[in-house]
Amino acid sequence: MTTLLQINASLFSNNGQSSRLSDQFVAAWREANPQGTVVTRDLAAAPVPHLDAQRFGAFLAKPEERTAQQQAVVDFSDTLIEELRQADVIALGLPMYNFGVPSTLKAYFDHVARAGVTFRYTETGPVGLLTGKKVYVFATRGGLYAGSALDTQTGYVRDFLRFIGITDVEFVYAEGLNMGEESKQSALNAASASIRQLAEPMRAAA
């Protein structure tokens, strides 16, 4: 049985444009994988706490020396990591806020990047441990940034996922959403068409 993990990073939860595009993909995936499992992680409905010294200290503490509070932090991180580990496919709804990723997504990343758990250091550099997964990123932006120096998201997300072992990453962009209604609808229609294209091989394989 295959598993899809849907991560929505919009502060508007299910009402965000990135979440709606992600939902379109998930619906197509469900159709092609009726026996599959979908796990949803909504970072607006259930925000991941931002990393601070206490939480980071919990990750560094030896298991036998952790306090109950530190163990709770580690247990929460382990839950997020296990969702990633069990997923075959990941759908990430990614809005752009002030030229970057939502802070809740950064907090999520900070809780799943754990040395010895999702990556390990070697003499030749870090090696990611969460391999064999496919990620689809549904990126929505108010302006036009893809392919420019102002697109700080694409490289960062690719680099982070590669760091923990995930190298098969595909982006679907919907840009210019704040540049007038015509621009918005054109971008969303194009993104929906791209999602339908992505779904065709899945349906053929079903």
N, C-alpha and C. Protein backbone atom coordinates (compact mmCIF):
# COMPACT_ATOMS: atom_id res chain seq x y z
N MET A 1 0.85 -1.19 0.00
CA MET A 1 0.00 0.00 0.00
C MET A 1 0.89 1.25 0.00
N THR A 2 0.61 2.18 -0.90
CA THR A 2 1.40 3.40 -0.98
C THR A 2 0.80 4.48 -0.09
N THR A 3 1.66 5.40 0.34
CA THR A 3 1.25 6.47 1.24
C THR A 3 1.68 7.81 0.70
N LEU A 4 0.76 8.77 0.74
CA LEU A 4 1.05 10.15 0.35
C LEU A 4 0.97 11.03 1.59
N LEU A 5 1.99 11.84 1.80
CA LEU A 5 1.99 12.84 2.87
C LEU A 5 1.76 14.21 2.25
N GLN A 6 0.66 14.85 2.65
CA GLN A 6 0.35 16.20 2.18
C GLN A 6 0.73 17.20 3.27
N ILE A 7 1.61 18.14 2.91
CA ILE A 7 2.03 19.17 3.85
C ILE A 7 1.56 20.51 3.29
N ASN A 8 0.66 21.17 4.02
CA ASN A 8 0.17 22.48 3.60
C ASN A 8 0.81 23.55 4.48
N ALA A 9 1.47 24.52 3.85
CA ALA A 9 2.19 25.55 4.59
C ALA A 9 1.50 26.90 4.57
N SER A 10 0.35 27.00 3.93
CA SER A 10 -0.35 28.28 3.84
C SER A 10 -0.91 28.68 5.20
N LEU A 11 -0.77 29.96 5.54
CA LEU A 11 -1.36 30.45 6.78
C LEU A 11 -2.88 30.46 6.72
N PHE A 12 -3.43 30.31 5.50
CA PHE A 12 -4.88 30.24 5.33
C PHE A 12 -5.39 28.80 5.38
N SER A 13 -4.54 27.87 5.74
CA SER A 13 -4.91 26.47 5.85
C SER A 13 -5.47 25.95 4.52
N ASN A 14 -6.64 25.31 4.55
CA ASN A 14 -7.20 24.73 3.33
C ASN A 14 -7.65 25.76 2.31
N ASN A 15 -7.78 27.02 2.73
CA ASN A 15 -8.24 28.06 1.82
C ASN A 15 -7.11 28.72 1.03
N GLY A 16 -5.88 28.39 1.34
CA GLY A 16 -4.76 28.96 0.58
C GLY A 16 -4.72 28.42 -0.84
N GLN A 17 -4.24 29.25 -1.78
CA GLN A 17 -4.16 28.80 -3.17
C GLN A 17 -3.21 27.60 -3.32
N SER A 18 -2.12 27.61 -2.59
CA SER A 18 -1.19 26.48 -2.67
C SER A 18 -1.83 25.21 -2.13
N SER A 19 -2.64 25.35 -1.07
CA SER A 19 -3.34 24.19 -0.51
C SER A 19 -4.36 23.65 -1.50
N ARG A 20 -5.04 24.55 -2.20
CA ARG A 20 -6.04 24.11 -3.17
C ARG A 20 -5.40 23.36 -4.33
N LEU A 21 -4.24 23.84 -4.78
CA LEU A 21 -3.54 23.12 -5.85
C LEU A 21 -3.07 21.76 -5.35
N SER A 22 -2.54 21.75 -4.13
CA SER A 22 -2.13 20.49 -3.53
C SER A 22 -3.31 19.54 -3.41
N ASP A 23 -4.47 20.06 -3.03
CA ASP A 23 -5.68 19.23 -2.93
C ASP A 23 -6.06 18.63 -4.28
N GLN A 24 -5.91 19.41 -5.34
CA GLN A 24 -6.21 18.89 -6.68
C GLN A 24 -5.33 17.68 -6.99
N PHE A 25 -4.05 17.81 -6.66
CA PHE A 25 -3.14 16.70 -6.92
C PHE A 25 -3.50 15.49 -6.05
N VAL A 26 -3.79 15.73 -4.79
CA VAL A 26 -4.13 14.64 -3.89
C VAL A 26 -5.38 13.92 -4.37
N ALA A 27 -6.37 14.66 -4.87
CA ALA A 27 -7.59 14.04 -5.38
C ALA A 27 -7.27 13.13 -6.56
N ALA A 28 -6.39 13.59 -7.45
CA ALA A 28 -5.99 12.77 -8.60
C ALA A 28 -5.22 11.54 -8.13
N TRP A 29 -4.38 11.73 -7.14
CA TRP A 29 -3.60 10.61 -6.61
C TRP A 29 -4.52 9.57 -5.97
N ARG A 30 -5.52 10.03 -5.23
CA ARG A 30 -6.48 9.10 -4.61
C ARG A 30 -7.20 8.28 -5.67
N GLU A 31 -7.56 8.95 -6.78
CA GLU A 31 -8.27 8.25 -7.85
C GLU A 31 -7.41 7.14 -8.44
N ALA A 32 -6.11 7.42 -8.56
CA ALA A 32 -5.19 6.43 -9.13
C ALA A 32 -4.73 5.40 -8.09
N ASN A 33 -4.89 5.73 -6.81
CA ASN A 33 -4.45 4.83 -5.73
C ASN A 33 -5.57 4.67 -4.70
N PRO A 34 -6.66 4.03 -5.10
CA PRO A 34 -7.83 3.93 -4.20
C PRO A 34 -7.52 3.20 -2.90
N GLN A 35 -6.50 2.35 -2.90
CA GLN A 35 -6.14 1.63 -1.68
C GLN A 35 -5.04 2.36 -0.90
N GLY A 36 -4.60 3.49 -1.41
CA GLY A 36 -3.52 4.22 -0.77
C GLY A 36 -3.97 4.98 0.46
N THR A 37 -2.99 5.45 1.21
CA THR A 37 -3.24 6.21 2.43
C THR A 37 -2.76 7.64 2.26
N VAL A 38 -3.58 8.60 2.68
CA VAL A 38 -3.19 10.01 2.66
C VAL A 38 -3.09 10.52 4.09
N VAL A 39 -1.95 11.08 4.43
CA VAL A 39 -1.72 11.70 5.73
C VAL A 39 -1.54 13.19 5.49
N THR A 40 -2.29 14.02 6.22
CA THR A 40 -2.22 15.47 6.03
C THR A 40 -1.59 16.14 7.23
N ARG A 41 -0.63 17.00 6.95
CA ARG A 41 0.02 17.81 7.98
C ARG A 41 -0.22 19.27 7.62
N ASP A 42 -1.16 19.90 8.32
CA ASP A 42 -1.53 21.29 8.07
C ASP A 42 -0.78 22.17 9.07
N LEU A 43 0.18 22.93 8.58
CA LEU A 43 1.03 23.71 9.47
C LEU A 43 0.37 24.98 9.99
N ALA A 44 -0.82 25.30 9.48
CA ALA A 44 -1.60 26.41 10.04
C ALA A 44 -2.50 25.89 11.15
N ALA A 45 -3.15 24.77 10.91
CA ALA A 45 -4.05 24.19 11.91
C ALA A 45 -3.28 23.66 13.11
N ALA A 46 -2.09 23.13 12.86
CA ALA A 46 -1.26 22.57 13.94
C ALA A 46 0.18 23.03 13.73
N PRO A 47 0.48 24.26 14.09
CA PRO A 47 1.83 24.81 13.84
C PRO A 47 2.92 24.05 14.59
N VAL A 48 4.05 23.92 13.94
CA VAL A 48 5.23 23.35 14.58
C VAL A 48 5.94 24.49 15.33
N PRO A 49 6.25 24.31 16.60
CA PRO A 49 6.93 25.38 17.34
C PRO A 49 8.26 25.74 16.68
N HIS A 50 8.59 27.01 16.72
CA HIS A 50 9.87 27.42 16.16
C HIS A 50 11.00 26.93 17.05
N LEU A 51 12.09 26.60 16.43
CA LEU A 51 13.24 26.04 17.14
C LEU A 51 13.85 27.11 18.04
N ASP A 52 14.09 26.73 19.30
CA ASP A 52 14.80 27.61 20.21
C ASP A 52 15.87 26.79 20.93
N ALA A 53 16.58 27.43 21.85
CA ALA A 53 17.70 26.74 22.50
C ALA A 53 17.23 25.52 23.29
N GLN A 54 16.09 25.63 23.93
CA GLN A 54 15.59 24.51 24.73
C GLN A 54 15.24 23.31 23.86
N ARG A 55 14.55 23.58 22.76
CA ARG A 55 14.15 22.49 21.87
C ARG A 55 15.38 21.87 21.21
N PHE A 56 16.31 22.70 20.78
CA PHE A 56 17.53 22.17 20.16
C PHE A 56 18.33 21.36 21.18
N GLY A 57 18.34 21.83 22.43
CA GLY A 57 19.03 21.09 23.48
C GLY A 57 18.44 19.71 23.69
N ALA A 58 17.12 19.58 23.49
CA ALA A 58 16.47 18.28 23.62
C ALA A 58 17.00 17.30 22.58
N PHE A 59 17.23 17.79 21.37
CA PHE A 59 17.76 16.92 20.31
C PHE A 59 19.18 16.47 20.64
N LEU A 60 19.96 17.34 21.30
CA LEU A 60 21.36 17.04 21.58
C LEU A 60 21.55 16.17 22.82
N ALA A 61 20.58 16.19 23.73
CA ALA A 61 20.71 15.45 24.98
C ALA A 61 20.75 13.94 24.74
N LYS A 62 21.54 13.25 25.51
CA LYS A 62 21.58 11.79 25.43
C LYS A 62 20.23 11.23 25.87
N PRO A 63 19.74 10.19 25.20
CA PRO A 63 18.41 9.67 25.53
C PRO A 63 18.22 9.37 27.01
N GLU A 64 19.23 8.80 27.63
CA GLU A 64 19.09 8.44 29.04
C GLU A 64 19.15 9.64 29.99
N GLU A 65 19.53 10.81 29.44
CA GLU A 65 19.65 12.00 30.28
C GLU A 65 18.55 13.03 30.01
N ARG A 66 17.64 12.74 29.09
CA ARG A 66 16.59 13.69 28.77
C ARG A 66 15.60 13.85 29.91
N THR A 67 15.16 15.08 30.09
CA THR A 67 14.05 15.33 31.01
C THR A 67 12.75 14.93 30.32
N ALA A 68 11.66 14.89 31.07
CA ALA A 68 10.36 14.56 30.48
C ALA A 68 9.99 15.59 29.41
N GLN A 69 10.30 16.85 29.67
CA GLN A 69 10.00 17.90 28.70
C GLN A 69 10.82 17.72 27.43
N GLN A 70 12.10 17.38 27.59
CA GLN A 70 12.94 17.15 26.42
C GLN A 70 12.47 15.94 25.63
N GLN A 71 12.04 14.90 26.33
CA GLN A 71 11.56 13.70 25.64
C GLN A 71 10.31 14.01 24.84
N ALA A 72 9.46 14.88 25.36
CA ALA A 72 8.25 15.27 24.63
C ALA A 72 8.60 15.99 23.33
N VAL A 73 9.63 16.82 23.37
CA VAL A 73 10.09 17.52 22.16
C VAL A 73 10.60 16.50 21.13
N VAL A 74 11.40 15.55 21.60
CA VAL A 74 11.94 14.53 20.70
C VAL A 74 10.82 13.65 20.14
N ASP A 75 9.87 13.30 20.98
CA ASP A 75 8.75 12.46 20.52
C ASP A 75 7.96 13.17 19.42
N PHE A 76 7.76 14.48 19.58
CA PHE A 76 7.05 15.25 18.56
C PHE A 76 7.83 15.25 17.26
N SER A 77 9.13 15.48 17.34
CA SER A 77 9.99 15.44 16.15
C SER A 77 9.95 14.06 15.51
N ASP A 78 10.01 13.02 16.33
CA ASP A 78 9.97 11.65 15.81
C ASP A 78 8.67 11.38 15.05
N THR A 79 7.57 11.95 15.51
CA THR A 79 6.28 11.77 14.83
C THR A 79 6.33 12.39 13.43
N LEU A 80 6.87 13.60 13.33
CA LEU A 80 7.00 14.25 12.02
C LEU A 80 7.90 13.44 11.09
N ILE A 81 9.00 12.97 11.64
CA ILE A 81 9.96 12.21 10.84
C ILE A 81 9.35 10.89 10.37
N GLU A 82 8.59 10.23 11.25
CA GLU A 82 7.98 8.96 10.87
C GLU A 82 6.97 9.15 9.75
N GLU A 83 6.24 10.27 9.76
CA GLU A 83 5.34 10.56 8.65
C GLU A 83 6.10 10.65 7.34
N LEU A 84 7.25 11.32 7.37
CA LEU A 84 8.08 11.42 6.16
C LEU A 84 8.62 10.05 5.77
N ARG A 85 9.08 9.30 6.74
CA ARG A 85 9.68 8.00 6.45
C ARG A 85 8.68 7.05 5.80
N GLN A 86 7.42 7.10 6.25
CA GLN A 86 6.40 6.19 5.74
C GLN A 86 5.86 6.62 4.38
N ALA A 87 6.09 7.87 4.00
CA ALA A 87 5.52 8.39 2.75
C ALA A 87 6.30 7.94 1.53
N ASP A 88 5.57 7.53 0.50
CA ASP A 88 6.17 7.25 -0.80
C ASP A 88 6.15 8.51 -1.66
N VAL A 89 5.10 9.31 -1.49
CA VAL A 89 4.90 10.55 -2.25
C VAL A 89 4.61 11.67 -1.26
N ILE A 90 5.14 12.86 -1.53
CA ILE A 90 4.90 14.02 -0.68
C ILE A 90 4.39 15.16 -1.55
N ALA A 91 3.27 15.75 -1.14
CA ALA A 91 2.71 16.91 -1.83
C ALA A 91 2.84 18.10 -0.90
N LEU A 92 3.59 19.11 -1.33
CA LEU A 92 3.85 20.28 -0.50
C LEU A 92 3.21 21.52 -1.09
N GLY A 93 2.25 22.10 -0.36
CA GLY A 93 1.66 23.36 -0.76
C GLY A 93 2.51 24.49 -0.21
N LEU A 94 3.10 25.30 -1.12
CA LEU A 94 4.14 26.25 -0.72
C LEU A 94 3.84 27.67 -1.20
N PRO A 95 3.24 28.51 -0.37
CA PRO A 95 3.10 29.91 -0.74
C PRO A 95 4.41 30.65 -0.51
N MET A 96 4.57 31.81 -1.14
CA MET A 96 5.74 32.65 -0.89
C MET A 96 5.30 33.83 -0.02
N TYR A 97 5.98 34.02 1.09
CA TYR A 97 5.71 35.15 1.97
C TYR A 97 6.99 35.98 2.11
N ASN A 98 6.92 37.23 1.66
CA ASN A 98 8.06 38.14 1.82
C ASN A 98 9.36 37.52 1.30
N PHE A 99 9.27 36.94 0.10
CA PHE A 99 10.43 36.40 -0.62
C PHE A 99 11.01 35.12 0.00
N GLY A 100 10.26 34.46 0.87
CA GLY A 100 10.79 33.25 1.47
C GLY A 100 9.70 32.22 1.72
N VAL A 101 10.10 31.13 2.35
CA VAL A 101 9.12 30.09 2.72
C VAL A 101 8.42 30.53 3.99
N PRO A 102 7.20 30.07 4.24
CA PRO A 102 6.52 30.40 5.50
C PRO A 102 7.36 29.96 6.69
N SER A 103 7.33 30.76 7.76
CA SER A 103 8.15 30.43 8.93
C SER A 103 7.72 29.10 9.55
N THR A 104 6.45 28.74 9.39
CA THR A 104 6.00 27.45 9.92
C THR A 104 6.65 26.29 9.18
N LEU A 105 6.91 26.45 7.88
CA LEU A 105 7.59 25.40 7.13
C LEU A 105 9.05 25.31 7.56
N LYS A 106 9.68 26.47 7.78
CA LYS A 106 11.06 26.46 8.28
C LYS A 106 11.12 25.75 9.63
N ALA A 107 10.14 26.00 10.50
CA ALA A 107 10.10 25.32 11.79
C ALA A 107 9.94 23.81 11.59
N TYR A 108 9.11 23.43 10.64
CA TYR A 108 8.94 22.00 10.33
C TYR A 108 10.27 21.40 9.87
N PHE A 109 10.93 22.07 8.96
CA PHE A 109 12.23 21.58 8.48
C PHE A 109 13.21 21.43 9.65
N ASP A 110 13.21 22.41 10.56
CA ASP A 110 14.13 22.36 11.69
C ASP A 110 13.86 21.17 12.61
N HIS A 111 12.64 20.67 12.62
CA HIS A 111 12.30 19.54 13.47
C HIS A 111 12.50 18.19 12.79
N VAL A 112 12.68 18.17 11.47
CA VAL A 112 12.89 16.89 10.79
C VAL A 112 14.33 16.71 10.34
N ALA A 113 15.16 17.74 10.49
CA ALA A 113 16.58 17.62 10.18
C ALA A 113 17.31 17.21 11.45
N ARG A 114 17.50 15.91 11.65
CA ARG A 114 18.11 15.40 12.87
C ARG A 114 19.29 14.51 12.52
N ALA A 115 20.47 14.92 12.98
CA ALA A 115 21.69 14.14 12.73
C ALA A 115 21.54 12.74 13.30
N GLY A 116 21.88 11.74 12.48
CA GLY A 116 21.77 10.36 12.90
C GLY A 116 20.39 9.77 12.72
N VAL A 117 19.42 10.63 12.35
CA VAL A 117 18.04 10.16 12.16
C VAL A 117 17.60 10.34 10.72
N THR A 118 17.69 11.57 10.21
CA THR A 118 17.32 11.83 8.82
C THR A 118 18.54 12.13 7.93
N PHE A 119 19.68 12.35 8.55
CA PHE A 119 20.94 12.49 7.81
C PHE A 119 22.08 12.12 8.74
N ARG A 120 23.22 11.83 8.15
CA ARG A 120 24.41 11.57 8.96
C ARG A 120 25.61 12.24 8.32
N TYR A 121 26.54 12.62 9.13
CA TYR A 121 27.77 13.23 8.63
C TYR A 121 28.80 12.14 8.34
N THR A 122 29.51 12.30 7.21
CA THR A 122 30.57 11.37 6.85
C THR A 122 31.82 12.16 6.51
N GLU A 123 32.89 11.47 6.20
CA GLU A 123 34.14 12.14 5.85
C GLU A 123 34.02 12.94 4.56
N THR A 124 33.04 12.59 3.74
CA THR A 124 32.85 13.31 2.47
C THR A 124 31.67 14.27 2.51
N GLY A 125 31.09 14.44 3.69
CA GLY A 125 29.96 15.36 3.82
C GLY A 125 28.70 14.65 4.30
N PRO A 126 27.60 15.39 4.44
CA PRO A 126 26.36 14.80 4.94
C PRO A 126 25.72 13.86 3.93
N VAL A 127 25.06 12.83 4.44
CA VAL A 127 24.34 11.87 3.61
C VAL A 127 22.91 11.78 4.13
N GLY A 128 21.95 12.02 3.24
CA GLY A 128 20.54 11.95 3.63
C GLY A 128 20.08 10.52 3.78
N LEU A 129 19.18 10.28 4.72
CA LEU A 129 18.72 8.92 5.02
C LEU A 129 17.29 8.64 4.61
N LEU A 130 16.55 9.66 4.14
CA LEU A 130 15.15 9.45 3.73
C LEU A 130 15.09 9.38 2.20
N THR A 131 15.47 8.25 1.67
CA THR A 131 15.59 8.10 0.22
C THR A 131 14.36 7.42 -0.38
N GLY A 132 14.29 7.43 -1.72
CA GLY A 132 13.25 6.69 -2.43
C GLY A 132 11.88 7.33 -2.39
N LYS A 133 11.83 8.67 -2.32
CA LYS A 133 10.55 9.36 -2.26
C LYS A 133 10.43 10.37 -3.41
N LYS A 134 9.21 10.66 -3.77
CA LYS A 134 8.92 11.65 -4.81
C LYS A 134 8.17 12.81 -4.17
N VAL A 135 8.64 14.04 -4.44
CA VAL A 135 8.00 15.23 -3.88
C VAL A 135 7.46 16.10 -5.01
N TYR A 136 6.23 16.54 -4.86
CA TYR A 136 5.62 17.52 -5.75
C TYR A 136 5.39 18.79 -4.93
N VAL A 137 5.91 19.92 -5.42
CA VAL A 137 5.78 21.19 -4.72
C VAL A 137 4.86 22.10 -5.53
N PHE A 138 3.81 22.60 -4.89
CA PHE A 138 2.85 23.48 -5.55
C PHE A 138 3.07 24.88 -5.00
N ALA A 139 3.85 25.66 -5.76
CA ALA A 139 4.34 26.96 -5.30
C ALA A 139 3.49 28.09 -5.86
N THR A 140 2.93 28.89 -4.97
CA THR A 140 2.11 30.02 -5.39
C THR A 140 2.77 31.32 -4.96
N ARG A 141 2.76 32.31 -5.87
CA ARG A 141 3.40 33.59 -5.60
C ARG A 141 2.53 34.73 -6.11
N GLY A 142 2.59 35.86 -5.42
CA GLY A 142 1.85 37.02 -5.86
C GLY A 142 2.45 37.68 -7.08
N GLY A 143 3.79 37.61 -7.20
CA GLY A 143 4.50 38.19 -8.34
C GLY A 143 5.12 37.12 -9.21
N LEU A 144 6.07 37.53 -10.04
CA LEU A 144 6.74 36.62 -10.98
C LEU A 144 8.20 36.46 -10.55
N TYR A 145 8.54 35.27 -10.08
CA TYR A 145 9.87 35.07 -9.50
C TYR A 145 10.62 33.85 -10.04
N ALA A 146 9.92 32.88 -10.58
CA ALA A 146 10.58 31.64 -11.02
C ALA A 146 11.69 31.94 -12.01
N GLY A 147 12.84 31.36 -11.76
CA GLY A 147 13.97 31.54 -12.66
C GLY A 147 14.76 32.80 -12.42
N SER A 148 14.36 33.60 -11.43
CA SER A 148 15.07 34.85 -11.15
C SER A 148 15.79 34.75 -9.81
N ALA A 149 16.64 35.74 -9.53
CA ALA A 149 17.39 35.76 -8.28
C ALA A 149 16.47 35.93 -7.07
N LEU A 150 15.26 36.42 -7.30
CA LEU A 150 14.31 36.63 -6.20
C LEU A 150 13.57 35.35 -5.81
N ASP A 151 13.75 34.29 -6.58
CA ASP A 151 13.14 33.01 -6.22
C ASP A 151 14.05 32.31 -5.21
N THR A 152 13.87 32.67 -3.95
CA THR A 152 14.70 32.07 -2.90
C THR A 152 14.15 30.72 -2.44
N GLN A 153 12.97 30.36 -2.90
CA GLN A 153 12.33 29.13 -2.43
C GLN A 153 12.84 27.87 -3.12
N THR A 154 12.88 27.90 -4.44
CA THR A 154 13.12 26.67 -5.20
C THR A 154 14.45 26.01 -4.81
N GLY A 155 15.53 26.78 -4.84
CA GLY A 155 16.83 26.22 -4.49
C GLY A 155 16.88 25.77 -3.05
N TYR A 156 16.31 26.57 -2.16
CA TYR A 156 16.34 26.23 -0.74
C TYR A 156 15.60 24.93 -0.46
N VAL A 157 14.38 24.79 -1.01
CA VAL A 157 13.60 23.58 -0.77
C VAL A 157 14.30 22.37 -1.38
N ARG A 158 14.81 22.50 -2.59
CA ARG A 158 15.54 21.39 -3.21
C ARG A 158 16.75 21.00 -2.36
N ASP A 159 17.50 22.01 -1.92
CA ASP A 159 18.71 21.73 -1.15
C ASP A 159 18.38 21.06 0.18
N PHE A 160 17.34 21.55 0.85
CA PHE A 160 16.98 20.94 2.13
C PHE A 160 16.55 19.49 1.94
N LEU A 161 15.68 19.25 0.97
CA LEU A 161 15.20 17.88 0.74
C LEU A 161 16.35 16.96 0.35
N ARG A 162 17.27 17.46 -0.47
CA ARG A 162 18.44 16.66 -0.83
C ARG A 162 19.28 16.33 0.41
N PHE A 163 19.37 17.28 1.32
CA PHE A 163 20.14 17.10 2.55
C PHE A 163 19.64 15.92 3.36
N ILE A 164 18.31 15.68 3.36
CA ILE A 164 17.78 14.55 4.11
C ILE A 164 17.53 13.33 3.22
N GLY A 165 17.99 13.40 1.97
CA GLY A 165 17.98 12.22 1.11
C GLY A 165 16.95 12.19 0.01
N ILE A 166 16.16 13.26 -0.15
CA ILE A 166 15.09 13.28 -1.15
C ILE A 166 15.53 14.12 -2.34
N THR A 167 15.73 13.46 -3.47
CA THR A 167 16.28 14.14 -4.64
C THR A 167 15.30 14.26 -5.81
N ASP A 168 14.22 13.51 -5.78
CA ASP A 168 13.23 13.54 -6.87
C ASP A 168 12.15 14.55 -6.52
N VAL A 169 12.34 15.79 -6.97
CA VAL A 169 11.47 16.90 -6.57
C VAL A 169 10.99 17.63 -7.83
N GLU A 170 9.68 17.82 -7.93
CA GLU A 170 9.09 18.49 -9.09
C GLU A 170 8.24 19.66 -8.62
N PHE A 171 8.42 20.82 -9.27
CA PHE A 171 7.70 22.03 -8.90
C PHE A 171 6.60 22.33 -9.92
N VAL A 172 5.46 22.78 -9.42
CA VAL A 172 4.39 23.35 -10.24
C VAL A 172 4.17 24.77 -9.70
N TYR A 173 4.32 25.77 -10.56
CA TYR A 173 4.23 27.16 -10.13
C TYR A 173 2.91 27.80 -10.57
N ALA A 174 2.39 28.64 -9.69
CA ALA A 174 1.28 29.53 -10.05
C ALA A 174 1.71 30.92 -9.60
N GLU A 175 2.11 31.77 -10.55
CA GLU A 175 2.67 33.08 -10.21
C GLU A 175 1.80 34.21 -10.75
N GLY A 176 2.07 35.41 -10.24
CA GLY A 176 1.31 36.58 -10.67
C GLY A 176 -0.09 36.62 -10.11
N LEU A 177 -0.29 35.99 -8.94
CA LEU A 177 -1.65 35.90 -8.39
C LEU A 177 -2.15 37.23 -7.85
N ASN A 178 -1.24 38.17 -7.61
CA ASN A 178 -1.65 39.50 -7.14
C ASN A 178 -1.49 40.57 -8.22
N MET A 179 -1.44 40.14 -9.47
CA MET A 179 -1.21 41.06 -10.57
C MET A 179 -2.46 41.23 -11.44
N GLY A 180 -3.60 41.15 -10.80
CA GLY A 180 -4.86 41.30 -11.53
C GLY A 180 -5.57 39.97 -11.68
N GLU A 181 -6.88 40.04 -11.85
CA GLU A 181 -7.69 38.83 -11.91
C GLU A 181 -7.35 37.97 -13.12
N GLU A 182 -7.08 38.60 -14.25
CA GLU A 182 -6.75 37.82 -15.45
C GLU A 182 -5.46 37.03 -15.25
N SER A 183 -4.46 37.70 -14.70
CA SER A 183 -3.19 37.03 -14.42
C SER A 183 -3.39 35.88 -13.43
N LYS A 184 -4.17 36.14 -12.40
CA LYS A 184 -4.42 35.11 -11.38
C LYS A 184 -5.08 33.88 -11.98
N GLN A 185 -6.17 34.09 -12.72
CA GLN A 185 -6.89 32.95 -13.29
C GLN A 185 -6.05 32.19 -14.31
N SER A 186 -5.29 32.94 -15.10
CA SER A 186 -4.42 32.29 -16.09
C SER A 186 -3.40 31.40 -15.40
N ALA A 187 -2.79 31.91 -14.32
CA ALA A 187 -1.78 31.13 -13.60
C ALA A 187 -2.37 29.90 -12.93
N LEU A 188 -3.53 30.06 -12.31
CA LEU A 188 -4.17 28.92 -11.64
C LEU A 188 -4.64 27.87 -12.65
N ASN A 189 -5.14 28.33 -13.79
CA ASN A 189 -5.55 27.39 -14.83
C ASN A 189 -4.37 26.61 -15.38
N ALA A 190 -3.25 27.31 -15.56
CA ALA A 190 -2.04 26.64 -16.07
C ALA A 190 -1.53 25.62 -15.06
N ALA A 191 -1.58 25.99 -13.77
CA ALA A 191 -1.14 25.06 -12.73
C ALA A 191 -2.05 23.84 -12.68
N SER A 192 -3.35 24.06 -12.81
CA SER A 192 -4.29 22.94 -12.81
C SER A 192 -4.05 22.02 -14.00
N ALA A 193 -3.72 22.61 -15.15
CA ALA A 193 -3.41 21.81 -16.34
C ALA A 193 -2.15 20.97 -16.10
N SER A 194 -1.16 21.56 -15.43
CA SER A 194 0.06 20.82 -15.11
C SER A 194 -0.24 19.66 -14.18
N ILE A 195 -1.13 19.88 -13.22
CA ILE A 195 -1.49 18.81 -12.30
C ILE A 195 -2.21 17.69 -13.04
N ARG A 196 -3.08 18.04 -13.98
CA ARG A 196 -3.74 16.99 -14.78
C ARG A 196 -2.73 16.20 -15.58
N GLN A 197 -1.70 16.88 -16.09
CA GLN A 197 -0.64 16.17 -16.82
C GLN A 197 0.10 15.22 -15.90
N LEU A 198 0.40 15.67 -14.68
CA LEU A 198 1.09 14.81 -13.72
C LEU A 198 0.25 13.59 -13.38
N ALA A 199 -1.06 13.77 -13.39
CA ALA A 199 -1.96 12.69 -12.99
C ALA A 199 -2.11 11.62 -14.07
N GLU A 200 -1.88 11.96 -15.33
CA GLU A 200 -2.11 11.01 -16.41
C GLU A 200 -1.30 9.72 -16.24
N PRO A 201 0.01 9.78 -15.99
CA PRO A 201 0.76 8.52 -15.81
C PRO A 201 0.27 7.73 -14.60
N MET A 202 -0.18 8.41 -13.55
CA MET A 202 -0.69 7.72 -12.38
C MET A 202 -1.96 6.95 -12.71
N ARG A 203 -2.84 7.60 -13.48
CA ARG A 203 -4.09 6.93 -13.86
C ARG A 203 -3.81 5.75 -14.79
N ALA A 204 -2.84 5.93 -15.68
CA ALA A 204 -2.51 4.86 -16.62
C ALA A 204 -1.94 3.65 -15.89
N ALA A 205 -1.23 3.91 -14.79
CA ALA A 205 -0.63 2.83 -14.04
C ALA A 205 -1.60 2.17 -13.07
N ALA A 206 -2.72 2.84 -12.83
CA ALA A 206 -3.69 2.32 -11.83
C ALA A 206 -4.38 1.06 -12.33
